[in-house]
């Protein structure tokens, strides 16, 4: 094998590792953002104040 071929292969492998590390970092950031959004939705849903009376929905009409 030629020395320049070995150097070229080493450069390509280094670039591949760098690209992979960058992709993993972007994926982690996207997952963090998605988790924050989900947490905000859960918090917003738990703060909903029901506008219906408390007795509404306690009985099921099985005849109709």
C-alpha atoms as a PDB file:
ATOM      1  CA  UNK A   1       0.000   0.000   0.000  1.00  0.00           C
ATOM      2  CA  UNK A   2       1.160   3.481  -0.820  1.00  0.00           C
ATOM      3  CA  UNK A   3       1.885   5.943   1.977  1.00  0.00           C
ATOM      4  CA  UNK A   4      -0.397   8.548   0.420  1.00  0.00           C
ATOM      5  CA  UNK A   5      -3.221   5.988   0.283  1.00  0.00           C
ATOM      6  CA  UNK A   6      -2.791   5.262   3.998  1.00  0.00           C
ATOM      7  CA  UNK A   7      -2.811   8.977   4.803  1.00  0.00           C
ATOM      8  CA  UNK A   8      -5.904   9.492   2.664  1.00  0.00           C
ATOM      9  CA  UNK A   9      -7.683   6.616   4.383  1.00  0.00           C
ATOM     10  CA  UNK A  10      -6.762   7.979   7.813  1.00  0.00           C
ATOM     11  CA  UNK A  11      -8.136  11.395   6.848  1.00  0.00           C
ATOM     12  CA  UNK A  12     -11.381   9.874   5.596  1.00  0.00           C
ATOM     13  CA  UNK A  13     -11.794   7.869   8.803  1.00  0.00           C
ATOM     14  CA  UNK A  14     -11.166  10.967  10.903  1.00  0.00           C
ATOM     15  CA  UNK A  15     -13.739  12.940   8.928  1.00  0.00           C
ATOM     16  CA  UNK A  16     -16.233  10.082   9.299  1.00  0.00           C
ATOM     17  CA  UNK A  17     -15.738  10.062  13.079  1.00  0.00           C
ATOM     18  CA  UNK A  18     -16.172  13.826  13.242  1.00  0.00           C
ATOM     19  CA  UNK A  19     -19.345  13.658  11.149  1.00  0.00           C
ATOM     20  CA  UNK A  20     -20.740  10.873  13.306  1.00  0.00           C
ATOM     21  CA  UNK A  21     -19.997  12.792  16.509  1.00  0.00           C
ATOM     22  CA  UNK A  22     -21.733  15.860  15.093  1.00  0.00           C
ATOM     23  CA  UNK A  23     -24.781  13.826  14.099  1.00  0.00           C
ATOM     24  CA  UNK A  24     -25.006  12.307  17.578  1.00  0.00           C
ATOM     25  CA  UNK A  25     -24.771  15.764  19.158  1.00  0.00           C
ATOM     26  CA  UNK A  26     -27.570  17.069  16.924  1.00  0.00           C
ATOM     27  CA  UNK A  27     -29.714  14.023  17.750  1.00  0.00           C
ATOM     28  CA  UNK A  28     -29.202  14.549  21.486  1.00  0.00           C
ATOM     29  CA  UNK A  29     -30.157  18.220  21.167  1.00  0.00           C
ATOM     30  CA  UNK A  30     -33.288  17.308  19.202  1.00  0.00           C
ATOM     31  CA  UNK A  31     -34.270  14.753  21.852  1.00  0.00           C
ATOM     32  CA  UNK A  32     -33.763  17.334  24.603  1.00  0.00           C
ATOM     33  CA  UNK A  33     -35.951  19.846  22.775  1.00  0.00           C
ATOM     34  CA  UNK A  34     -38.627  17.206  22.205  1.00  0.00           C
ATOM     35  CA  UNK A  35     -38.550  16.203  25.872  1.00  0.00           C
ATOM     36  CA  UNK A  36     -38.958  19.832  26.934  1.00  0.00           C
ATOM     37  CA  UNK A  37     -41.934  20.232  24.601  1.00  0.00           C
ATOM     38  CA  UNK A  38     -43.565  17.080  25.933  1.00  0.00           C
ATOM     39  CA  UNK A  39     -43.040  18.231  29.502  1.00  0.00           C
ATOM     40  CA  UNK A  40     -44.637  21.592  28.700  1.00  0.00           C
ATOM     41  CA  UNK A  41     -47.637  19.833  27.168  1.00  0.00           C
ATOM     42  CA  UNK A  42     -48.044  17.610  30.223  1.00  0.00           C
ATOM     43  CA  UNK A  43     -47.811  20.588  32.557  1.00  0.00           C
ATOM     44  CA  UNK A  44     -50.326  22.540  30.477  1.00  0.00           C
ATOM     45  CA  UNK A  45     -52.751  19.614  30.446  1.00  0.00           C
ATOM     46  CA  UNK A  46     -52.556  19.208  34.215  1.00  0.00           C
ATOM     47  CA  UNK A  47     -53.472  22.868  34.717  1.00  0.00           C
ATOM     48  CA  UNK A  48     -56.726  22.654  32.755  1.00  0.00           C
ATOM     49  CA  UNK A  49     -59.663  23.668  34.903  1.00  0.00           C
ATOM     50  CA  UNK A  50     -62.788  21.687  34.050  1.00  0.00           C
ATOM     51  CA  UNK A  51     -65.667  23.920  33.014  1.00  0.00           C
ATOM     52  CA  UNK A  52     -68.314  21.230  33.440  1.00  0.00           C
ATOM     53  CA  UNK A  53     -70.106  20.502  36.711  1.00  0.00           C
ATOM     54  CA  UNK A  54     -68.484  17.777  38.819  1.00  0.00           C
ATOM     55  CA  UNK A  55     -71.501  15.429  38.520  1.00  0.00           C
ATOM     56  CA  UNK A  56     -71.353  15.439  34.725  1.00  0.00           C
ATOM     57  CA  UNK A  57     -69.999  12.206  33.212  1.00  0.00           C
ATOM     58  CA  UNK A  58     -70.505  10.041  36.306  1.00  0.00           C
ATOM     59  CA  UNK A  59     -73.366   7.999  34.833  1.00  0.00           C
ATOM     60  CA  UNK A  60     -73.501   6.037  31.579  1.00  0.00           C
ATOM     61  CA  UNK A  61     -76.799   5.653  29.740  1.00  0.00           C
ATOM     62  CA  UNK A  62     -76.861   2.010  28.665  1.00  0.00           C
ATOM     63  CA  UNK A  63     -80.457   2.106  27.366  1.00  0.00           C
ATOM     64  CA  UNK A  64     -79.939   4.569  24.539  1.00  0.00           C
END
